[in-house]
Amino acid sequence: IHHSGHGHRKKGLYIEGGEESSGPDTFLDGESLREMIQKITHPENRPKIVFLAACHSEVVGEKLVKDGLVNHVVVCRKENELGDNGVPVFVRKFYQRLLA
């Protein structure tokens, strides 16, 4: 699973409502993401890696690891913010090395 976007220190990952969506902008916390992953995957086919490229995404990632849902989560520390220019570089390098 890969999420790239904005995050909030307490609320979680920012999910934009957008023009295609009739719903408002919202946030996805660790509990909500855990429930979503459990609903759409079989226990034997859980994601091996969850990549959360968002400010403060450690808050969400901690929940997934603590509950034993996934083994590996790549996050930004909850007290840190990501720069818009550095994210694409980090993501590209991460996947290049992962797939090498």
PDB file of N, CA and C in Angstrom:
ATOM      1  N   ILE A   1       0.862  -1.169   0.000  1.00  0.00           N
ATOM      2  CA  ILE A   1       0.000   0.000   0.000  1.00  0.00           C
ATOM      3  C   ILE A   1       0.903   1.224   0.000  1.00  0.00           C
ATOM      4  N   HIS A   2       0.562   2.194  -0.815  1.00  0.00           N
ATOM      5  CA  HIS A   2       1.334   3.431  -0.894  1.00  0.00           C
ATOM      6  C   HIS A   2       0.365   4.612  -0.800  1.00  0.00           C
ATOM      7  N   HIS A   3       0.638   5.502   0.136  1.00  0.00           N
ATOM      8  CA  HIS A   3      -0.106   6.758   0.247  1.00  0.00           C
ATOM      9  C   HIS A   3       0.893   7.895   0.189  1.00  0.00           C
ATOM     10  N   SER A   4       0.618   8.845  -0.670  1.00  0.00           N
ATOM     11  CA  SER A   4       1.452  10.032  -0.761  1.00  0.00           C
ATOM     12  C   SER A   4       0.523  11.236  -0.670  1.00  0.00           C
ATOM     13  N   GLY A   5       0.746  12.059   0.323  1.00  0.00           N
ATOM     14  CA  GLY A   5      -0.125  13.218   0.506  1.00  0.00           C
ATOM     15  C   GLY A   5       0.235  13.967   1.765  1.00  0.00           C
ATOM     16  N   HIS A   6      -0.758  14.565   2.360  1.00  0.00           N
ATOM     17  CA  HIS A   6      -0.544  15.359   3.567  1.00  0.00           C
ATOM     18  C   HIS A   6      -0.985  14.572   4.804  1.00  0.00           C
ATOM     19  N   GLY A   7      -0.408  14.949   5.922  1.00  0.00           N
ATOM     20  CA  GLY A   7      -0.772  14.312   7.172  1.00  0.00           C
ATOM     21  C   GLY A   7      -0.896  15.338   8.282  1.00  0.00           C
ATOM     22  N   HIS A   8      -1.606  14.956   9.315  1.00  0.00           N
ATOM     23  CA  HIS A   8      -1.820  15.820  10.478  1.00  0.00           C
ATOM     24  C   HIS A   8      -1.316  15.091  11.718  1.00  0.00           C
ATOM     25  N   ARG A   9      -0.655  15.809  12.586  1.00  0.00           N
ATOM     26  CA  ARG A   9      -0.028  15.222  13.776  1.00  0.00           C
ATOM     27  C   ARG A   9      -1.000  14.392  14.621  1.00  0.00           C
ATOM     28  N   LYS A  10      -2.241  14.794  14.723  1.00  0.00           N
ATOM     29  CA  LYS A  10      -3.209  14.075  15.566  1.00  0.00           C
ATOM     30  C   LYS A  10      -4.303  13.371  14.783  1.00  0.00           C
ATOM     31  N   LYS A  11      -4.666  13.889  13.612  1.00  0.00           N
ATOM     32  CA  LYS A  11      -5.813  13.359  12.878  1.00  0.00           C
ATOM     33  C   LYS A  11      -5.443  12.240  11.898  1.00  0.00           C
ATOM     34  N   GLY A  12      -4.207  12.184  11.449  1.00  0.00           N
ATOM     35  CA  GLY A  12      -3.796  11.129  10.522  1.00  0.00           C
ATOM     36  C   GLY A  12      -3.563  11.626   9.107  1.00  0.00           C
ATOM     37  N   LEU A  13      -3.858  10.773   8.127  1.00  0.00           N
ATOM     38  CA  LEU A  13      -3.613  11.067   6.718  1.00  0.00           C
ATOM     39  C   LEU A  13      -4.763  11.881   6.143  1.00  0.00           C
ATOM     40  N   TYR A  14      -4.417  12.931   5.411  1.00  0.00           N
ATOM     41  CA  TYR A  14      -5.423  13.797   4.797  1.00  0.00           C
ATOM     42  C   TYR A  14      -5.939  13.143   3.520  1.00  0.00           C
ATOM     43  N   ILE A  15      -7.266  13.030   3.408  1.00  0.00           N
ATOM     44  CA  ILE A  15      -7.898  12.470   2.224  1.00  0.00           C
ATOM     45  C   ILE A  15      -8.812  13.543   1.647  1.00  0.00           C
ATOM     46  N   GLU A  16      -8.472  13.997   0.440  1.00  0.00           N
ATOM     47  CA  GLU A  16      -9.230  15.067  -0.197  1.00  0.00           C
ATOM     48  C   GLU A  16     -10.523  14.528  -0.793  1.00  0.00           C
ATOM     49  N   GLY A  17     -11.611  15.242  -0.564  1.00  0.00           N
ATOM     50  CA  GLY A  17     -12.910  14.852  -1.116  1.00  0.00           C
ATOM     51  C   GLY A  17     -12.901  14.910  -2.633  1.00  0.00           C
ATOM     52  N   GLY A  18     -12.381  15.981  -3.199  1.00  0.00           N
ATOM     53  CA  GLY A  18     -12.241  16.117  -4.643  1.00  0.00           C
ATOM     54  C   GLY A  18     -13.542  16.323  -5.385  1.00  0.00           C
ATOM     55  N   GLU A  19     -13.409  16.654  -6.664  1.00  0.00           N
ATOM     56  CA  GLU A  19     -14.573  16.922  -7.503  1.00  0.00           C
ATOM     57  C   GLU A  19     -15.394  15.658  -7.763  1.00  0.00           C
ATOM     58  N   GLU A  20     -14.722  14.512  -7.882  1.00  0.00           N
ATOM     59  CA  GLU A  20     -15.420  13.264  -8.168  1.00  0.00           C
ATOM     60  C   GLU A  20     -16.171  12.741  -6.951  1.00  0.00           C
ATOM     61  N   SER A  21     -15.814  13.222  -5.795  1.00  0.00           N
ATOM     62  CA  SER A  21     -16.413  12.739  -4.557  1.00  0.00           C
ATOM     63  C   SER A  21     -17.450  13.735  -4.055  1.00  0.00           C
ATOM     64  N   SER A  22     -18.574  13.207  -3.625  1.00  0.00           N
ATOM     65  CA  SER A  22     -19.586  14.099  -3.059  1.00  0.00           C
ATOM     66  C   SER A  22     -19.321  14.364  -1.580  1.00  0.00           C
ATOM     67  N   GLY A  23     -18.359  13.638  -1.022  1.00  0.00           N
ATOM     68  CA  GLY A  23     -18.055  13.794   0.394  1.00  0.00           C
ATOM     69  C   GLY A  23     -17.035  14.885   0.649  1.00  0.00           C
ATOM     70  N   PRO A  24     -16.959  15.320   1.894  1.00  0.00           N
ATOM     71  CA  PRO A  24     -15.998  16.365   2.272  1.00  0.00           C
ATOM     72  C   PRO A  24     -14.591  15.786   2.451  1.00  0.00           C
ATOM     73  N   ASP A  25     -13.621  16.682   2.533  1.00  0.00           N
ATOM     74  CA  ASP A  25     -12.265  16.271   2.883  1.00  0.00           C
ATOM     75  C   ASP A  25     -12.312  15.621   4.258  1.00  0.00           C
ATOM     76  N   THR A  26     -11.429  14.663   4.486  1.00  0.00           N
ATOM     77  CA  THR A  26     -11.440  13.961   5.765  1.00  0.00           C
ATOM     78  C   THR A  26     -10.033  13.498   6.115  1.00  0.00           C
ATOM     79  N   PHE A  27      -9.903  12.825   7.231  1.00  0.00           N
ATOM     80  CA  PHE A  27      -8.627  12.267   7.663  1.00  0.00           C
ATOM     81  C   PHE A  27      -8.799  10.775   7.910  1.00  0.00           C
ATOM     82  N   LEU A  28      -7.735  10.030   7.675  1.00  0.00           N
ATOM     83  CA  LEU A  28      -7.725   8.587   7.880  1.00  0.00           C
ATOM     84  C   LEU A  28      -6.724   8.288   8.986  1.00  0.00           C
ATOM     85  N   ASP A  29      -7.218   7.861  10.140  1.00  0.00           N
ATOM     86  CA  ASP A  29      -6.323   7.554  11.250  1.00  0.00           C
ATOM     87  C   ASP A  29      -5.889   6.089  11.187  1.00  0.00           C
ATOM     88  N   GLY A  30      -5.027   5.695  12.100  1.00  0.00           N
ATOM     89  CA  GLY A  30      -4.490   4.337  12.098  1.00  0.00           C
ATOM     90  C   GLY A  30      -5.551   3.271  12.254  1.00  0.00           C
ATOM     91  N   GLU A  31      -6.520   3.523  13.108  1.00  0.00           N
ATOM     92  CA  GLU A  31      -7.606   2.561  13.330  1.00  0.00           C
ATOM     93  C   GLU A  31      -8.435   2.374  12.061  1.00  0.00           C
ATOM     94  N   SER A  32      -8.760   3.468  11.393  1.00  0.00           N
ATOM     95  CA  SER A  32      -9.562   3.391  10.162  1.00  0.00           C
ATOM     96  C   SER A  32      -8.815   2.672   9.051  1.00  0.00           C
ATOM     97  N   LEU A  33      -7.514   2.948   8.911  1.00  0.00           N
ATOM     98  CA  LEU A  33      -6.727   2.265   7.881  1.00  0.00           C
ATOM     99  C   LEU A  33      -6.607   0.784   8.203  1.00  0.00           C
ATOM    100  N   ARG A  34      -6.420   0.454   9.471  1.00  0.00           N
ATOM    101  CA  ARG A  34      -6.345  -0.951   9.872  1.00  0.00           C
ATOM    102  C   ARG A  34      -7.636  -1.681   9.510  1.00  0.00           C
ATOM    103  N   GLU A  35      -8.770  -1.077   9.830  1.00  0.00           N
ATOM    104  CA  GLU A  35     -10.060  -1.688   9.517  1.00  0.00           C
ATOM    105  C   GLU A  35     -10.254  -1.867   8.016  1.00  0.00           C
ATOM    106  N   MET A  36      -9.839  -0.865   7.240  1.00  0.00           N
ATOM    107  CA  MET A  36      -9.977  -0.951   5.794  1.00  0.00           C
ATOM    108  C   MET A  36      -9.125  -2.091   5.235  1.00  0.00           C
ATOM    109  N   ILE A  37      -7.888  -2.209   5.688  1.00  0.00           N
ATOM    110  CA  ILE A  37      -7.009  -3.275   5.213  1.00  0.00           C
ATOM    111  C   ILE A  37      -7.585  -4.635   5.591  1.00  0.00           C
ATOM    112  N   GLN A  38      -8.109  -4.760   6.795  1.00  0.00           N
ATOM    113  CA  GLN A  38      -8.691  -6.029   7.220  1.00  0.00           C
ATOM    114  C   GLN A  38      -9.906  -6.409   6.378  1.00  0.00           C
ATOM    115  N   LYS A  39     -10.709  -5.425   5.990  1.00  0.00           N
ATOM    116  CA  LYS A  39     -11.906  -5.697   5.206  1.00  0.00           C
ATOM    117  C   LYS A  39     -11.593  -6.122   3.776  1.00  0.00           C
ATOM    118  N   ILE A  40     -10.533  -5.559   3.184  1.00  0.00           N
ATOM    119  CA  ILE A  40     -10.291  -5.815   1.764  1.00  0.00           C
ATOM    120  C   ILE A  40      -9.213  -6.866   1.501  1.00  0.00           C
ATOM    121  N   THR A  41      -8.600  -7.391   2.538  1.00  0.00           N
ATOM    122  CA  THR A  41      -7.559  -8.406   2.329  1.00  0.00           C
ATOM    123  C   THR A  41      -7.829  -9.633   3.188  1.00  0.00           C
ATOM    124  N   HIS A  42      -7.313 -10.742   2.724  1.00  0.00           N
ATOM    125  CA  HIS A  42      -7.370 -11.998   3.480  1.00  0.00           C
ATOM    126  C   HIS A  42      -6.136 -12.028   4.382  1.00  0.00           C
ATOM    127  N   PRO A  43      -6.240 -12.587   5.592  1.00  0.00           N
ATOM    128  CA  PRO A  43      -5.084 -12.605   6.505  1.00  0.00           C
ATOM    129  C   PRO A  43      -3.804 -13.164   5.885  1.00  0.00           C
ATOM    130  N   GLU A  44      -3.914 -14.110   4.975  1.00  0.00           N
ATOM    131  CA  GLU A  44      -2.718 -14.686   4.336  1.00  0.00           C
ATOM    132  C   GLU A  44      -2.134 -13.782   3.260  1.00  0.00           C
ATOM    133  N   ASN A  45      -2.895 -12.773   2.844  1.00  0.00           N
ATOM    134  CA  ASN A  45      -2.448 -11.886   1.768  1.00  0.00           C
ATOM    135  C   ASN A  45      -2.360 -10.434   2.200  1.00  0.00           C
ATOM    136  N   ARG A  46      -2.022 -10.206   3.440  1.00  0.00           N
ATOM    137  CA  ARG A  46      -1.879  -8.842   3.939  1.00  0.00           C
ATOM    138  C   ARG A  46      -0.691  -8.174   3.242  1.00  0.00           C
ATOM    139  N   PRO A  47      -0.705  -6.848   3.131  1.00  0.00           N
ATOM    140  CA  PRO A  47       0.427  -6.158   2.512  1.00  0.00           C
ATOM    141  C   PRO A  47       1.711  -6.417   3.297  1.00  0.00           C
ATOM    142  N   LYS A  48       2.803  -6.555   2.581  1.00  0.00           N
ATOM    143  CA  LYS A  48       4.109  -6.762   3.215  1.00  0.00           C
ATOM    144  C   LYS A  48       4.717  -5.431   3.643  1.00  0.00           C
ATOM    145  N   ILE A  49       4.417  -4.381   2.859  1.00  0.00           N
ATOM    146  CA  ILE A  49       4.959  -3.051   3.141  1.00  0.00           C
ATOM    147  C   ILE A  49       3.844  -2.024   2.987  1.00  0.00           C
ATOM    148  N   VAL A  50       3.777  -1.085   3.911  1.00  0.00           N
ATOM    149  CA  VAL A  50       2.897   0.069   3.790  1.00  0.00           C
ATOM    150  C   VAL A  50       3.795   1.296   3.773  1.00  0.00           C
ATOM    151  N   PHE A  51       3.684   2.100   2.740  1.00  0.00           N
ATOM    152  CA  PHE A  51       4.516   3.286   2.539  1.00  0.00           C
ATOM    153  C   PHE A  51       3.618   4.510   2.690  1.00  0.00           C
ATOM    154  N   LEU A  52       3.844   5.294   3.731  1.00  0.00           N
ATOM    155  CA  LEU A  52       3.029   6.467   4.002  1.00  0.00           C
ATOM    156  C   LEU A  52       3.893   7.720   3.883  1.00  0.00           C
ATOM    157  N   ALA A  53       3.899   8.310   2.699  1.00  0.00           N
ATOM    158  CA  ALA A  53       4.697   9.503   2.439  1.00  0.00           C
ATOM    159  C   ALA A  53       3.863  10.737   2.774  1.00  0.00           C
ATOM    160  N   ALA A  54       3.758  11.025   4.063  1.00  0.00           N
ATOM    161  CA  ALA A  54       2.977  12.165   4.537  1.00  0.00           C
ATOM    162  C   ALA A  54       3.577  12.656   5.851  1.00  0.00           C
ATOM    163  N   CYS A  55       3.473  13.936   6.085  1.00  0.00           N
ATOM    164  CA  CYS A  55       3.932  14.491   7.354  1.00  0.00           C
ATOM    165  C   CYS A  55       3.243  13.778   8.509  1.00  0.00           C
ATOM    166  N   HIS A  56       3.984  13.521   9.556  1.00  0.00           N
ATOM    167  CA  HIS A  56       3.452  12.948  10.792  1.00  0.00           C
ATOM    168  C   HIS A  56       2.812  11.568  10.606  1.00  0.00           C
ATOM    169  N   SER A  57       3.165  10.831   9.554  1.00  0.00           N
ATOM    170  CA  SER A  57       2.500   9.555   9.260  1.00  0.00           C
ATOM    171  C   SER A  57       2.867   8.440  10.236  1.00  0.00           C
ATOM    172  N   GLU A  58       3.846   8.672  11.084  1.00  0.00           N
ATOM    173  CA  GLU A  58       4.204   7.672  12.089  1.00  0.00           C
ATOM    174  C   GLU A  58       3.006   7.340  12.983  1.00  0.00           C
ATOM    175  N   VAL A  59       2.150   8.322  13.224  1.00  0.00           N
ATOM    176  CA  VAL A  59       0.971   8.123  14.066  1.00  0.00           C
ATOM    177  C   VAL A  59       0.094   7.006  13.490  1.00  0.00           C
ATOM    178  N   VAL A  60      -0.071   6.989  12.180  1.00  0.00           N
ATOM    179  CA  VAL A  60      -0.892   5.976  11.519  1.00  0.00           C
ATOM    180  C   VAL A  60      -0.134   4.648  11.443  1.00  0.00           C
ATOM    181  N   GLY A  61       1.130   4.704  11.045  1.00  0.00           N
ATOM    182  CA  GLY A  61       1.930   3.490  10.903  1.00  0.00           C
ATOM    183  C   GLY A  61       2.109   2.712  12.186  1.00  0.00           C
ATOM    184  N   GLU A  62       2.240   3.409  13.289  1.00  0.00           N
ATOM    185  CA  GLU A  62       2.403   2.741  14.595  1.00  0.00           C
ATOM    186  C   GLU A  62       1.238   1.796  14.879  1.00  0.00           C
ATOM    187  N   LYS A  63       0.043   2.214  14.545  1.00  0.00           N
ATOM    188  CA  LYS A  63      -1.152   1.402  14.809  1.00  0.00           C
ATOM    189  C   LYS A  63      -1.108   0.101  14.010  1.00  0.00           C
ATOM    190  N   LEU A  64      -0.683   0.176  12.759  1.00  0.00           N
ATOM    191  CA  LEU A  64      -0.638  -1.017  11.906  1.00  0.00           C
ATOM    192  C   LEU A  64       0.374  -2.035  12.416  1.00  0.00           C
ATOM    193  N   VAL A  65       1.526  -1.550  12.864  1.00  0.00           N
ATOM    194  CA  VAL A  65       2.567  -2.440  13.377  1.00  0.00           C
ATOM    195  C   VAL A  65       2.174  -2.979  14.751  1.00  0.00           C
ATOM    196  N   LYS A  66       1.671  -2.104  15.599  1.00  0.00           N
ATOM    197  CA  LYS A  66       1.280  -2.512  16.959  1.00  0.00           C
ATOM    198  C   LYS A  66       0.236  -3.625  16.927  1.00  0.00           C
ATOM    199  N   ASP A  67      -0.707  -3.533  16.002  1.00  0.00           N
ATOM    200  CA  ASP A  67      -1.764  -4.536  15.890  1.00  0.00           C
ATOM    201  C   ASP A  67      -1.322  -5.770  15.110  1.00  0.00           C
ATOM    202  N   GLY A  68      -0.061  -5.775  14.625  1.00  0.00           N
ATOM    203  CA  GLY A  68       0.464  -6.919  13.902  1.00  0.00           C
ATOM    204  C   GLY A  68      -0.117  -7.098  12.512  1.00  0.00           C
ATOM    205  N   LEU A  69      -0.680  -6.041  11.956  1.00  0.00           N
ATOM    206  CA  LEU A  69      -1.300  -6.130  10.639  1.00  0.00           C
ATOM    207  C   LEU A  69      -0.258  -6.198   9.523  1.00  0.00           C
ATOM    208  N   VAL A  70       0.802  -5.437   9.667  1.00  0.00           N
ATOM    209  CA  VAL A  70       1.894  -5.453   8.685  1.00  0.00           C
ATOM    210  C   VAL A  70       3.223  -5.474   9.434  1.00  0.00           C
ATOM    211  N   ASN A  71       4.244  -5.973   8.755  1.00  0.00           N
ATOM    212  CA  ASN A  71       5.567  -6.054   9.372  1.00  0.00           C
ATOM    213  C   ASN A  71       6.422  -4.828   9.115  1.00  0.00           C
ATOM    214  N   HIS A  72       6.211  -4.183   7.960  1.00  0.00           N
ATOM    215  CA  HIS A  72       7.089  -3.081   7.561  1.00  0.00           C
ATOM    216  C   HIS A  72       6.263  -1.866   7.157  1.00  0.00           C
ATOM    217  N   VAL A  73       6.539  -0.749   7.815  1.00  0.00           N
ATOM    218  CA  VAL A  73       5.864   0.501   7.500  1.00  0.00           C
ATOM    219  C   VAL A  73       6.931   1.575   7.341  1.00  0.00           C
ATOM    220  N   VAL A  74       6.882   2.294   6.217  1.00  0.00           N
ATOM    221  CA  VAL A  74       7.778   3.417   5.974  1.00  0.00           C
ATOM    222  C   VAL A  74       6.959   4.673   6.232  1.00  0.00           C
ATOM    223  N   VAL A  75       7.423   5.504   7.173  1.00  0.00           N
ATOM    224  CA  VAL A  75       6.669   6.688   7.594  1.00  0.00           C
ATOM    225  C   VAL A  75       7.601   7.876   7.811  1.00  0.00           C
ATOM    226  N   CYS A  76       6.992   9.012   8.050  1.00  0.00           N
ATOM    227  CA  CYS A  76       7.709  10.201   8.499  1.00  0.00           C
ATOM    228  C   CYS A  76       7.434  10.336   9.991  1.00  0.00           C
ATOM    229  N   ARG A  77       8.450  10.594  10.762  1.00  0.00           N
ATOM    230  CA  ARG A  77       8.264  10.739  12.216  1.00  0.00           C
ATOM    231  C   ARG A  77       7.127  11.695  12.524  1.00  0.00           C
ATOM    232  N   LYS A  78       6.425  11.400  13.614  1.00  0.00           N
ATOM    233  CA  LYS A  78       5.248  12.208  13.942  1.00  0.00           C
ATOM    234  C   LYS A  78       5.588  13.662  14.246  1.00  0.00           C
ATOM    235  N   GLU A  79       6.819  13.935  14.634  1.00  0.00           N
ATOM    236  CA  GLU A  79       7.173  15.330  14.925  1.00  0.00           C
ATOM    237  C   GLU A  79       7.797  16.030  13.719  1.00  0.00           C
ATOM    238  N   ASN A  80       7.933  15.334  12.590  1.00  0.00           N
ATOM    239  CA  ASN A  80       8.587  15.901  11.414  1.00  0.00           C
ATOM    240  C   ASN A  80       7.619  16.154  10.264  1.00  0.00           C
ATOM    241  N   GLU A  81       8.039  17.048   9.385  1.00  0.00           N
ATOM    242  CA  GLU A  81       7.284  17.333   8.171  1.00  0.00           C
ATOM    243  C   GLU A  81       8.164  17.028   6.967  1.00  0.00           C
ATOM    244  N   LEU A  82       7.531  16.625   5.884  1.00  0.00           N
ATOM    245  CA  LEU A  82       8.243  16.336   4.638  1.00  0.00           C
ATOM    246  C   LEU A  82       8.207  17.560   3.744  1.00  0.00           C
ATOM    247  N   GLY A  83       9.301  17.814   3.050  1.00  0.00           N
ATOM    248  CA  GLY A  83       9.322  18.887   2.070  1.00  0.00           C
ATOM    249  C   GLY A  83       8.799  18.390   0.735  1.00  0.00           C
ATOM    250  N   ASP A  84       8.000  19.205   0.064  1.00  0.00           N
ATOM    251  CA  ASP A  84       7.414  18.796  -1.214  1.00  0.00           C
ATOM    252  C   ASP A  84       8.467  18.433  -2.255  1.00  0.00           C
ATOM    253  N   ASN A  85       9.619  19.065  -2.214  1.00  0.00           N
ATOM    254  CA  ASN A  85      10.664  18.778  -3.205  1.00  0.00           C
ATOM    255  C   ASN A  85      11.419  17.488  -2.909  1.00  0.00           C
ATOM    256  N   GLY A  86      11.539  17.137  -1.644  1.00  0.00           N
ATOM    257  CA  GLY A  86      12.304  15.954  -1.278  1.00  0.00           C
ATOM    258  C   GLY A  86      11.539  14.642  -1.386  1.00  0.00           C
ATOM    259  N   VAL A  87      10.222  14.693  -1.293  1.00  0.00           N
ATOM    260  CA  VAL A  87       9.419  13.476  -1.309  1.00  0.00           C
ATOM    261  C   VAL A  87       9.592  12.678  -2.599  1.00  0.00           C
ATOM    262  N   PRO A  88       9.449  13.280  -3.778  1.00  0.00           N
ATOM    263  CA  PRO A  88       9.600  12.482  -5.002  1.00  0.00           C
ATOM    264  C   PRO A  88      10.973  11.817  -5.129  1.00  0.00           C
ATOM    265  N   VAL A  89      12.001  12.504  -4.667  1.00  0.00           N
ATOM    266  CA  VAL A  89      13.351  11.945  -4.719  1.00  0.00           C
ATOM    267  C   VAL A  89      13.448  10.729  -3.790  1.00  0.00           C
ATOM    268  N   PHE A  90      12.959  10.872  -2.573  1.00  0.00           N
ATOM    269  CA  PHE A  90      12.997   9.768  -1.619  1.00  0.00           C
ATOM    270  C   PHE A  90      12.191   8.574  -2.120  1.00  0.00           C
ATOM    271  N   VAL A  91      10.986   8.825  -2.614  1.00  0.00           N
ATOM    272  CA  VAL A  91      10.130   7.739  -3.103  1.00  0.00           C
ATOM    273  C   VAL A  91      10.799   7.006  -4.251  1.00  0.00           C
ATOM    274  N   ARG A  92      11.345   7.733  -5.197  1.00  0.00           N
ATOM    275  CA  ARG A  92      12.021   7.117  -6.352  1.00  0.00           C
ATOM    276  C   ARG A  92      13.195   6.259  -5.890  1.00  0.00           C
ATOM    277  N   LYS A  93      14.029   6.797  -5.028  1.00  0.00           N
ATOM    278  CA  LYS A  93      15.195   6.043  -4.533  1.00  0.00           C
ATOM    279  C   LYS A  93      14.765   4.808  -3.750  1.00  0.00           C
ATOM    280  N   PHE A  94      13.727   4.950  -2.922  1.00  0.00           N
ATOM    281  CA  PHE A  94      13.247   3.829  -2.130  1.00  0.00           C
ATOM    282  C   PHE A  94      12.824   2.677  -3.035  1.00  0.00           C
ATOM    283  N   TYR A  95      11.988   2.970  -4.024  1.00  0.00           N
ATOM    284  CA  TYR A  95      11.491   1.909  -4.897  1.00  0.00           C
ATOM    285  C   TYR A  95      12.582   1.362  -5.812  1.00  0.00           C
ATOM    286  N   GLN A  96      13.501   2.188  -6.241  1.00  0.00           N
ATOM    287  CA  GLN A  96      14.625   1.692  -7.054  1.00  0.00           C
ATOM    288  C   GLN A  96      15.428   0.669  -6.271  1.00  0.00           C
ATOM    289  N   ARG A  97      15.706   0.973  -5.027  1.00  0.00           N
ATOM    290  CA  ARG A  97      16.493   0.047  -4.200  1.00  0.00           C
ATOM    291  C   ARG A  97      15.689  -1.193  -3.802  1.00  0.00           C
ATOM    292  N   LEU A  98      14.415  -1.002  -3.553  1.00  0.00           N
ATOM    293  CA  LEU A  98      13.549  -2.118  -3.184  1.00  0.00           C
ATOM    294  C   LEU A  98      13.446  -3.136  -4.329  1.00  0.00           C
ATOM    295  N   LEU A  99      13.369  -2.618  -5.546  1.00  0.00           N
ATOM    296  CA  LEU A  99      13.188  -3.489  -6.711  1.00  0.00           C
ATOM    297  C   LEU A  99      14.487  -3.927  -7.368  1.00  0.00           C
ATOM    298  N   ALA A 100      15.620  -3.455  -6.844  1.00  0.00           N
ATOM    299  CA  ALA A 100      16.920  -3.806  -7.436  1.00  0.00           C
ATOM    300  C   ALA A 100      17.298  -5.246  -7.145  1.00  0.00           C
TER     301      ALA A 100
END
